[in-house]
C-alpha atoms as a PDB file:
ATOM      1  CA  MET A   1       0.000   0.000   0.000  1.00  0.00           C
ATOM      2  CA  MET A   2       1.198   3.483  -0.859  1.00  0.00           C
ATOM      3  CA  ASN A   3       2.867   5.333   1.988  1.00  0.00           C
ATOM      4  CA  GLU A   4       0.603   8.271   2.899  1.00  0.00           C
ATOM      5  CA  ARG A   5       3.213  10.467   4.621  1.00  0.00           C
ATOM      6  CA  GLY A   6       3.311  13.182   1.971  1.00  0.00           C
ATOM      7  CA  ASN A   7       0.155  12.733  -0.088  1.00  0.00           C
ATOM      8  CA  GLY A   8      -2.627  13.239   2.459  1.00  0.00           C
ATOM      9  CA  LEU A   9      -4.033  16.202   0.548  1.00  0.00           C
ATOM     10  CA  LEU A  10      -4.140  14.204  -2.681  1.00  0.00           C
ATOM     11  CA  LEU A  11      -6.167  11.450  -1.009  1.00  0.00           C
ATOM     12  CA  ALA A  12      -8.475  13.750   0.997  1.00  0.00           C
ATOM     13  CA  ASP A  13     -11.809  15.313   0.004  1.00  0.00           C
ATOM     14  CA  TYR A  14     -11.210  17.172  -3.272  1.00  0.00           C
ATOM     15  CA  ARG A  15     -12.958  20.383  -2.106  1.00  0.00           C
ATOM     16  CA  LYS A  16     -10.695  20.731   0.907  1.00  0.00           C
ATOM     17  CA  SER A  17      -7.695  19.789  -1.203  1.00  0.00           C
ATOM     18  CA  VAL A  18      -8.404  22.550  -3.743  1.00  0.00           C
ATOM     19  CA  VAL A  19      -8.477  25.197  -1.014  1.00  0.00           C
ATOM     20  CA  SER A  20      -5.505  23.733   0.847  1.00  0.00           C
ATOM     21  CA  THR A  21      -3.337  23.680  -2.277  1.00  0.00           C
ATOM     22  CA  SER A  22      -4.451  26.921  -3.951  1.00  0.00           C
ATOM     23  CA  ALA A  23      -4.293  29.242  -0.924  1.00  0.00           C
ATOM     24  CA  PRO A  24      -0.563  28.654  -0.223  1.00  0.00           C
ATOM     25  CA  LEU A  25       0.172  29.022  -3.942  1.00  0.00           C
ATOM     26  CA  ALA A  26      -1.632  32.382  -4.057  1.00  0.00           C
ATOM     27  CA  LEU A  27       0.268  33.586  -0.995  1.00  0.00           C
ATOM     28  CA  ALA A  28       3.577  32.485  -2.502  1.00  0.00           C
ATOM     29  CA  MET A  29       2.796  34.377  -5.715  1.00  0.00           C
ATOM     30  CA  ALA A  30       1.949  37.481  -3.683  1.00  0.00           C
ATOM     31  CA  PHE A  31       5.348  37.305  -1.972  1.00  0.00           C
ATOM     32  CA  GLN A  32       7.058  36.850  -5.344  1.00  0.00           C
ATOM     33  CA  SER A  33       5.307  39.943  -6.704  1.00  0.00           C
ATOM     34  CA  ALA A  34       6.243  41.958  -3.619  1.00  0.00           C
ATOM     35  CA  ASN A  35       9.801  40.726  -3.975  1.00  0.00           C
ATOM     36  CA  GLY A  36       9.904  41.960  -7.574  1.00  0.00           C
ATOM     37  CA  LEU A  37       8.696  45.395  -6.516  1.00  0.00           C
ATOM     38  CA  VAL A  38      11.286  45.643  -3.725  1.00  0.00           C
ATOM     39  CA  ASP A  39      13.996  44.457  -6.093  1.00  0.00           C
ATOM     40  CA  ALA A  40      13.032  47.104  -8.650  1.00  0.00           C
ATOM     41  CA  ALA A  41      12.942  49.802  -5.979  1.00  0.00           C
ATOM     42  CA  TRP A  42      16.500  49.060  -4.802  1.00  0.00           C
ATOM     43  CA  VAL A  43      17.897  48.962  -8.323  1.00  0.00           C
ATOM     44  CA  SER A  44      16.084  52.129  -9.390  1.00  0.00           C
ATOM     45  CA  SER A  45      17.706  53.974  -6.482  1.00  0.00           C
ATOM     46  CA  LEU A  46      21.032  53.576  -8.332  1.00  0.00           C
ATOM     47  CA  ASP A  47      19.875  55.368 -11.485  1.00  0.00           C
ATOM     48  CA  ALA A  48      17.251  55.098 -14.225  1.00  0.00           C
ATOM     49  CA  GLU A  49      19.678  53.402 -16.610  1.00  0.00           C
ATOM     50  CA  SER A  50      20.359  50.560 -14.139  1.00  0.00           C
ATOM     51  CA  SER A  51      16.643  49.993 -13.670  1.00  0.00           C
ATOM     52  CA  ALA A  52      16.158  49.866 -17.445  1.00  0.00           C
ATOM     53  CA  ALA A  53      19.094  47.490 -17.818  1.00  0.00           C
ATOM     54  CA  VAL A  54      17.672  45.021 -15.302  1.00  0.00           C
ATOM     55  CA  GLY A  55      14.257  45.179 -16.963  1.00  0.00           C
ATOM     56  CA  MET A  56      15.802  44.358 -20.332  1.00  0.00           C
ATOM     57  CA  THR A  57      17.797  41.426 -18.948  1.00  0.00           C
ATOM     58  CA  ARG A  58      15.130  39.608 -16.936  1.00  0.00           C
ATOM     59  CA  PRO A  59      13.473  37.947 -19.982  1.00  0.00           C
ATOM     60  CA  LEU A  60      16.750  36.161 -20.792  1.00  0.00           C
ATOM     61  CA  PHE A  61      16.842  34.607 -17.319  1.00  0.00           C
ATOM     62  CA  LEU A  62      13.135  33.787 -17.486  1.00  0.00           C
ATOM     63  CA  ILE A  63      13.601  31.932 -20.799  1.00  0.00           C
ATOM     64  CA  ILE A  64      15.913  29.435 -19.106  1.00  0.00           C
ATOM     65  CA  VAL A  65      13.693  29.132 -16.031  1.00  0.00           C
ATOM     66  CA  ALA A  66      10.656  28.598 -18.284  1.00  0.00           C
ATOM     67  CA  LEU A  67      12.328  25.630 -19.964  1.00  0.00           C
ATOM     68  CA  GLY A  68      13.129  24.119 -16.575  1.00  0.00           C
ATOM     69  CA  ASN A  69       9.610  24.784 -15.266  1.00  0.00           C
ATOM     70  CA  GLY A  70       8.165  23.025 -18.298  1.00  0.00           C
ATOM     71  CA  ALA A  71      10.070  19.894 -17.336  1.00  0.00           C
ATOM     72  CA  GLY A  72       8.718  20.407 -13.820  1.00  0.00           C
ATOM     73  CA  VAL A  73       5.156  20.347 -15.172  1.00  0.00           C
ATOM     74  CA  GLY A  74       5.889  17.016 -16.839  1.00  0.00           C
ATOM     75  CA  ALA A  75       7.450  15.642 -13.662  1.00  0.00           C
ATOM     76  CA  THR A  76       4.436  16.777 -11.628  1.00  0.00           C
ATOM     77  CA  ALA A  77       2.036  14.957 -13.955  1.00  0.00           C
ATOM     78  CA  LEU A  78       3.985  11.687 -13.928  1.00  0.00           C
ATOM     79  CA  LEU A  79       4.716  11.777 -10.212  1.00  0.00           C
ATOM     80  CA  SER A  80       1.082  12.497  -9.312  1.00  0.00           C
ATOM     81  CA  ARG A  81       0.044   9.607 -11.543  1.00  0.00           C
ATOM     82  CA  CYS A  82       2.396   7.259  -9.681  1.00  0.00           C
ATOM     83  CA  ILE A  83       1.049   8.445  -6.328  1.00  0.00           C
ATOM     84  CA  GLY A  84      -2.531   7.898  -7.474  1.00  0.00           C
ATOM     85  CA  ALA A  85      -1.635   4.394  -8.653  1.00  0.00           C
ATOM     86  CA  GLY A  86       0.044   3.576  -5.353  1.00  0.00           C
ATOM     87  CA  ASP A  87       3.402   3.094  -7.065  1.00  0.00           C
ATOM     88  CA  GLU A  88       5.904   4.479  -4.531  1.00  0.00           C
ATOM     89  CA  ALA A  89       8.913   2.975  -6.297  1.00  0.00           C
ATOM     90  CA  GLY A  90       7.784   4.530  -9.567  1.00  0.00           C
ATOM     91  CA  ALA A  91       7.297   7.901  -7.859  1.00  0.00           C
ATOM     92  CA  ARG A  92      10.832   7.821  -6.492  1.00  0.00           C
ATOM     93  CA  HIS A  93      12.209   6.857  -9.886  1.00  0.00           C
ATOM     94  CA  ILE A  94      10.406   9.729 -11.622  1.00  0.00           C
ATOM     95  CA  ALA A  95      11.596  12.183  -8.963  1.00  0.00           C
ATOM     96  CA  SER A  96      15.228  11.128  -9.317  1.00  0.00           C
ATOM     97  CA  GLN A  97      14.980  11.363 -13.110  1.00  0.00           C
ATOM     98  CA  ALA A  98      13.361  14.799 -12.805  1.00  0.00           C
ATOM     99  CA  CYS A  99      16.230  16.056 -10.641  1.00  0.00           C
ATOM    100  CA  LEU A 100      18.773  14.764 -13.154  1.00  0.00           C
ATOM    101  CA  LEU A 101      16.829  16.225 -16.082  1.00  0.00           C
ATOM    102  CA  SER A 102      16.745  19.666 -14.431  1.00  0.00           C
ATOM    103  CA  LEU A 103      20.544  19.610 -14.148  1.00  0.00           C
ATOM    104  CA  LEU A 104      20.968  18.554 -17.779  1.00  0.00           C
ATOM    105  CA  ILE A 105      18.530  21.170 -19.066  1.00  0.00           C
ATOM    106  CA  SER A 106      20.097  23.982 -17.055  1.00  0.00           C
ATOM    107  CA  ALA A 107      23.603  23.044 -18.199  1.00  0.00           C
ATOM    108  CA  ALA A 108      22.658  22.775 -21.880  1.00  0.00           C
ATOM    109  CA  VAL A 109      20.502  25.900 -22.048  1.00  0.00           C
ATOM    110  CA  THR A 110      22.876  28.035 -19.983  1.00  0.00           C
ATOM    111  CA  ALA A 111      25.803  27.048 -22.207  1.00  0.00           C
ATOM    112  CA  SER A 112      23.718  27.977 -25.248  1.00  0.00           C
ATOM    113  CA  MET A 113      22.358  31.252 -23.865  1.00  0.00           C
ATOM    114  CA  LEU A 114      25.484  32.702 -22.235  1.00  0.00           C
ATOM    115  CA  PRO A 115      27.245  33.655 -25.515  1.00  0.00           C
ATOM    116  CA  LEU A 116      24.008  35.268 -26.714  1.00  0.00           C
ATOM    117  CA  VAL A 117      23.573  37.672 -23.785  1.00  0.00           C
ATOM    118  CA  SER A 118      25.327  40.649 -25.371  1.00  0.00           C
ATOM    119  CA  PRO A 119      23.943  40.115 -28.913  1.00  0.00           C
ATOM    120  CA  LEU A 120      20.374  39.780 -27.620  1.00  0.00           C
ATOM    121  CA  LEU A 121      20.677  42.866 -25.429  1.00  0.00           C
ATOM    122  CA  ALA A 122      22.074  44.830 -28.357  1.00  0.00           C
ATOM    123  CA  ALA A 123      19.235  43.533 -30.552  1.00  0.00           C
ATOM    124  CA  MET A 124      16.753  44.875 -27.991  1.00  0.00           C
ATOM    125  CA  GLY A 125      18.347  48.314 -28.391  1.00  0.00           C
ATOM    126  CA  ALA A 126      20.668  48.485 -25.383  1.00  0.00           C
ATOM    127  CA  THR A 127      23.702  50.702 -25.979  1.00  0.00           C
ATOM    128  CA  GLY A 128      26.465  52.401 -24.019  1.00  0.00           C
ATOM    129  CA  TYR A 129      26.014  52.522 -20.248  1.00  0.00           C
ATOM    130  CA  VAL A 130      22.677  50.688 -20.342  1.00  0.00           C
ATOM    131  CA  LEU A 131      24.262  47.822 -22.292  1.00  0.00           C
ATOM    132  CA  ALA A 132      27.171  47.632 -19.835  1.00  0.00           C
ATOM    133  CA  GLN A 133      24.788  47.487 -16.860  1.00  0.00           C
ATOM    134  CA  ALA A 134      22.564  44.944 -18.585  1.00  0.00           C
ATOM    135  CA  GLU A 135      25.589  42.740 -19.304  1.00  0.00           C
ATOM    136  CA  ALA A 136      26.721  43.004 -15.676  1.00  0.00           C
ATOM    137  CA  TYR A 137      23.302  41.751 -14.550  1.00  0.00           C
ATOM    138  CA  GLY A 138      22.766  39.275 -17.369  1.00  0.00           C
ATOM    139  CA  TYR A 139      26.045  37.378 -17.213  1.00  0.00           C
ATOM    140  CA  VAL A 140      25.448  36.624 -13.523  1.00  0.00           C
ATOM    141  CA  THR A 141      21.786  35.619 -13.732  1.00  0.00           C
ATOM    142  CA  VAL A 142      22.095  33.680 -16.993  1.00  0.00           C
ATOM    143  CA  GLY A 143      25.435  32.117 -16.050  1.00  0.00           C
ATOM    144  CA  LEU A 144      24.040  30.893 -12.724  1.00  0.00           C
ATOM    145  CA  SER A 145      20.489  30.252 -13.918  1.00  0.00           C
ATOM    146  CA  CYS A 146      20.870  26.586 -12.995  1.00  0.00           C
ATOM    147  CA  VAL A 147      19.756  27.523  -9.474  1.00  0.00           C
ATOM    148  CA  GLY A 148      16.423  28.756 -10.830  1.00  0.00           C
ATOM    149  CA  VAL A 149      15.877  25.598 -12.852  1.00  0.00           C
ATOM    150  CA  VAL A 150      16.777  23.257  -9.979  1.00  0.00           C
ATOM    151  CA  LEU A 151      14.649  25.233  -7.509  1.00  0.00           C
ATOM    152  CA  GLY A 152      11.684  25.151  -9.878  1.00  0.00           C
ATOM    153  CA  MET A 153      11.952  21.375 -10.210  1.00  0.00           C
ATOM    154  CA  GLN A 154      12.159  20.871  -6.452  1.00  0.00           C
ATOM    155  CA  LEU A 155       9.075  23.034  -5.919  1.00  0.00           C
ATOM    156  CA  SER A 156       7.269  20.948  -8.541  1.00  0.00           C
ATOM    157  CA  LEU A 157       8.167  17.776  -6.655  1.00  0.00           C
ATOM    158  CA  LEU A 158       6.754  19.256  -3.444  1.00  0.00           C
ATOM    159  CA  ARG A 159       3.499  20.398  -5.061  1.00  0.00           C
ATOM    160  CA  SER A 160       2.985  17.094  -6.874  1.00  0.00           C
ATOM    161  CA  GLN A 161       2.741  15.393  -3.473  1.00  0.00           C
ATOM    162  CA  GLY A 162       0.214  17.907  -2.136  1.00  0.00           C
ATOM    163  CA  LEU A 163       2.871  19.671  -0.042  1.00  0.00           C
ATOM    164  CA  SER A 164       1.776  23.132  -1.175  1.00  0.00           C
ATOM    165  CA  ARG A 165       2.438  24.705   2.203  1.00  0.00           C
ATOM    166  CA  HIS A 166       6.017  23.511   2.054  1.00  0.00           C
ATOM    167  CA  SER A 167       6.370  24.997  -1.431  1.00  0.00           C
ATOM    168  CA  MET A 168       4.931  28.272  -0.134  1.00  0.00           C
ATOM    169  CA  ARG A 169       7.443  28.382   2.727  1.00  0.00           C
ATOM    170  CA  VAL A 170      10.299  27.949   0.273  1.00  0.00           C
ATOM    171  CA  ASN A 171       9.003  30.781  -1.910  1.00  0.00           C
ATOM    172  CA  VAL A 172       8.561  33.052   1.103  1.00  0.00           C
ATOM    173  CA  ALA A 173      12.092  32.244   2.307  1.00  0.00           C
ATOM    174  CA  VAL A 174      13.500  33.073  -1.149  1.00  0.00           C
ATOM    175  CA  ALA A 175      11.600  36.375  -1.307  1.00  0.00           C
ATOM    176  CA  LEU A 176      12.615  37.473   2.196  1.00  0.00           C
ATOM    177  CA  ALA A 177      16.239  36.481   1.596  1.00  0.00           C
ATOM    178  CA  ASN A 178      16.347  38.485  -1.623  1.00  0.00           C
ATOM    179  CA  MET A 179      14.797  41.506   0.064  1.00  0.00           C
ATOM    180  CA  ALA A 180      17.498  41.373   2.731  1.00  0.00           C
ATOM    181  CA  LEU A 181      20.396  40.630   0.388  1.00  0.00           C
ATOM    182  CA  ASP A 182      19.568  43.322  -2.186  1.00  0.00           C
ATOM    183  CA  PRO A 183      20.663  46.378  -0.167  1.00  0.00           C
ATOM    184  CA  ALA A 184      23.605  44.482   1.323  1.00  0.00           C
ATOM    185  CA  MET A 185      24.952  43.432  -2.078  1.00  0.00           C
ATOM    186  CA  ILE A 186      24.030  46.564  -4.050  1.00  0.00           C
ATOM    187  CA  PHE A 187      25.123  49.203  -1.535  1.00  0.00           C
ATOM    188  CA  GLY A 188      26.885  47.430   1.334  1.00  0.00           C
ATOM    189  CA  LEU A 189      29.409  45.728  -0.947  1.00  0.00           C
ATOM    190  CA  GLY A 190      29.106  48.375  -3.648  1.00  0.00           C
ATOM    191  CA  LEU A 191      28.367  45.829  -6.399  1.00  0.00           C
ATOM    192  CA  GLY A 192      25.534  47.758  -8.043  1.00  0.00           C
ATOM    193  CA  VAL A 193      23.421  45.789 -10.530  1.00  0.00           C
ATOM    194  CA  SER A 194      25.801  42.821 -10.250  1.00  0.00           C
ATOM    195  CA  GLY A 195      24.948  42.763  -6.556  1.00  0.00           C
ATOM    196  CA  ALA A 196      21.245  42.639  -7.383  1.00  0.00           C
ATOM    197  CA  ALA A 197      21.900  39.669  -9.662  1.00  0.00           C
ATOM    198  CA  LEU A 198      23.956  37.903  -6.998  1.00  0.00           C
ATOM    199  CA  ALA A 199      21.234  38.529  -4.418  1.00  0.00           C
ATOM    200  CA  THR A 200      18.712  36.861  -6.727  1.00  0.00           C
ATOM    201  CA  VAL A 201      20.936  33.842  -7.296  1.00  0.00           C
ATOM    202  CA  LEU A 202      21.948  33.454  -3.635  1.00  0.00           C
ATOM    203  CA  SER A 203      18.353  33.672  -2.420  1.00  0.00           C
ATOM    204  CA  MET A 204      17.392  30.902  -4.866  1.00  0.00           C
ATOM    205  CA  ALA A 205      20.334  28.820  -3.666  1.00  0.00           C
ATOM    206  CA  LEU A 206      18.948  29.197  -0.142  1.00  0.00           C
ATOM    207  CA  GLY A 207      15.581  28.050  -1.481  1.00  0.00           C
ATOM    208  CA  ILE A 208      17.215  24.929  -2.935  1.00  0.00           C
ATOM    209  CA  ALA A 209      18.698  24.085   0.466  1.00  0.00           C
ATOM    210  CA  VAL A 210      15.331  24.541   2.191  1.00  0.00           C
ATOM    211  CA  ALA A 211      13.406  22.561  -0.450  1.00  0.00           C
ATOM    212  CA  ARG A 212      15.987  19.779  -0.403  1.00  0.00           C
ATOM    213  CA  ARG A 213      15.629  19.458   3.355  1.00  0.00           C
ATOM    214  CA  MET A 214      11.845  19.191   2.977  1.00  0.00           C
ATOM    215  CA  LEU A 215      12.059  16.606   0.192  1.00  0.00           C
ATOM    216  CA  ASN A 216      14.451  14.509   2.242  1.00  0.00           C
ATOM    217  CA  GLY A 217      12.201  14.820   5.313  1.00  0.00           C
ATOM    218  CA  SER A 218       9.647  12.401   6.701  1.00  0.00           C
ATOM    219  CA  GLU A 219       6.600  14.000   5.037  1.00  0.00           C
ATOM    220  CA  SER A 220       7.881  13.535   1.484  1.00  0.00           C
ATOM    221  CA  ILE A 221       7.508  10.312  -0.448  1.00  0.00           C
ATOM    222  CA  VAL A 222      10.391  11.176  -2.781  1.00  0.00           C
ATOM    223  CA  THR A 223      13.813  12.699  -2.235  1.00  0.00           C
ATOM    224  CA  ALA A 224      15.879  15.397  -3.964  1.00  0.00           C
ATOM    225  CA  ARG A 225      18.581  12.973  -5.113  1.00  0.00           C
ATOM    226  CA  ALA A 226      19.344  12.971  -8.834  1.00  0.00           C
ATOM    227  CA  ALA A 227      19.586   9.643 -10.653  1.00  0.00           C
ATOM    228  CA  GLY A 228      22.995   8.439 -11.762  1.00  0.00           C
ATOM    229  CA  ASN A 229      21.809   7.493 -15.259  1.00  0.00           C
ATOM    230  CA  LEU A 230      19.193   9.092 -17.484  1.00  0.00           C
ATOM    231  CA  ASP A 231      16.071   7.045 -18.229  1.00  0.00           C
ATOM    232  CA  VAL A 232      15.410   8.225 -21.790  1.00  0.00           C
ATOM    233  CA  ASP A 233      11.802   7.012 -21.794  1.00  0.00           C
ATOM    234  CA  ALA A 234      10.970   8.818 -18.533  1.00  0.00           C
ATOM    235  CA  ALA A 235      12.677  11.981 -19.806  1.00  0.00           C
ATOM    236  CA  ARG A 236      10.739  11.752 -23.070  1.00  0.00           C
ATOM    237  CA  ARG A 237       7.433  11.446 -21.236  1.00  0.00           C
ATOM    238  CA  MET A 238       8.245  14.411 -18.976  1.00  0.00           C
ATOM    239  CA  LEU A 239       9.261  16.576 -21.912  1.00  0.00           C
ATOM    240  CA  SER A 240       6.251  15.580 -24.035  1.00  0.00           C
ATOM    241  CA  ILE A 241       4.045  17.053 -21.299  1.00  0.00           C
ATOM    242  CA  GLY A 242       6.379  19.887 -20.340  1.00  0.00           C
ATOM    243  CA  ILE A 243       7.305  21.340 -23.738  1.00  0.00           C
ATOM    244  CA  PRO A 244       3.818  22.792 -24.399  1.00  0.00           C
ATOM    245  CA  ALA A 245       3.883  24.351 -20.919  1.00  0.00           C
ATOM    246  CA  SER A 246       7.340  25.796 -21.626  1.00  0.00           C
ATOM    247  CA  ALA A 247       6.068  27.230 -24.913  1.00  0.00           C
ATOM    248  CA  GLY A 248       3.426  29.232 -23.068  1.00  0.00           C
ATOM    249  CA  MET A 249       5.985  30.579 -20.591  1.00  0.00           C
ATOM    250  CA  LEU A 250       8.460  31.344 -23.382  1.00  0.00           C
ATOM    251  CA  ALA A 251       5.829  33.364 -25.206  1.00  0.00           C
ATOM    252  CA  GLY A 252       5.615  35.722 -22.238  1.00  0.00           C
ATOM    253  CA  SER A 253       9.396  36.195 -22.126  1.00  0.00           C
ATOM    254  CA  LEU A 254       9.593  36.796 -25.875  1.00  0.00           C
ATOM    255  CA  MET A 255       6.777  39.336 -25.596  1.00  0.00           C
ATOM    256  CA  MET A 256       8.724  41.175 -22.885  1.00  0.00           C
ATOM    257  CA  MET A 257      11.778  41.265 -25.160  1.00  0.00           C
ATOM    258  CA  ALA A 258       9.685  42.633 -28.021  1.00  0.00           C
ATOM    259  CA  LEU A 259       8.164  45.314 -25.788  1.00  0.00           C
ATOM    260  CA  ASN A 260      11.617  46.294 -24.529  1.00  0.00           C
ATOM    261  CA  SER A 261      12.742  46.762 -28.128  1.00  0.00           C
ATOM    262  CA  VAL A 262       9.744  48.977 -28.892  1.00  0.00           C
ATOM    263  CA  VAL A 263      10.166  51.085 -25.745  1.00  0.00           C
ATOM    264  CA  VAL A 264      13.898  51.601 -26.341  1.00  0.00           C
ATOM    265  CA  SER A 265      13.176  52.912 -29.833  1.00  0.00           C
ATOM    266  CA  PHE A 266      11.463  55.900 -28.232  1.00  0.00           C
END
């Protein structure tokens, strides 16, 4: 019989489960939005050009995260299916493959995107000081974007088990850490926009540590350990579900890039 440590919500009354899973998700999204506003406020206190540079660079980081989140959607679907079927061994296998796939995706996409940072920023119309500031932010966030991909996958593994409150706590911890690190890195260490980028990456790294501890805890059916070898069939099934989800997220990032290009032209 399937161990019910981490999937109580999935096996409970569906009306209570909807509220119990959606409310923490809404709160987490509210914290993420507040975090974005605080982040923008700290950067804009440097100068208008720095704020514009960060705004132009964010879509590049979000493209990589979107690809990782798409794989997370596929992992969530397969893992939830295993839980519903009472297949604990299958759930653990999918989780380990998902962790490995997130590492492979982040490595491949980051290696592909990093050389394109400057050309893409220039294509969006960034020049001079704005381009230099955008590169300072972009090379850090894109170069270390693996933390965003891995964190997104771990949050997907938590939510797929009905552990939405745990996922919310991770998101809140990331937001609060970023809010605290921003002024320290930007002004305390005098790193400017590079400090804002480092604060973002470090806060996500903290989120990975917190999520990993939760996944390896007693309430989780699966763990955060990556498989040693890739199961091509499992990866294919995850990606077949996740690629359409990634396409929707990518559309938003590409739209932001297009809008940045239009705004810069004025």
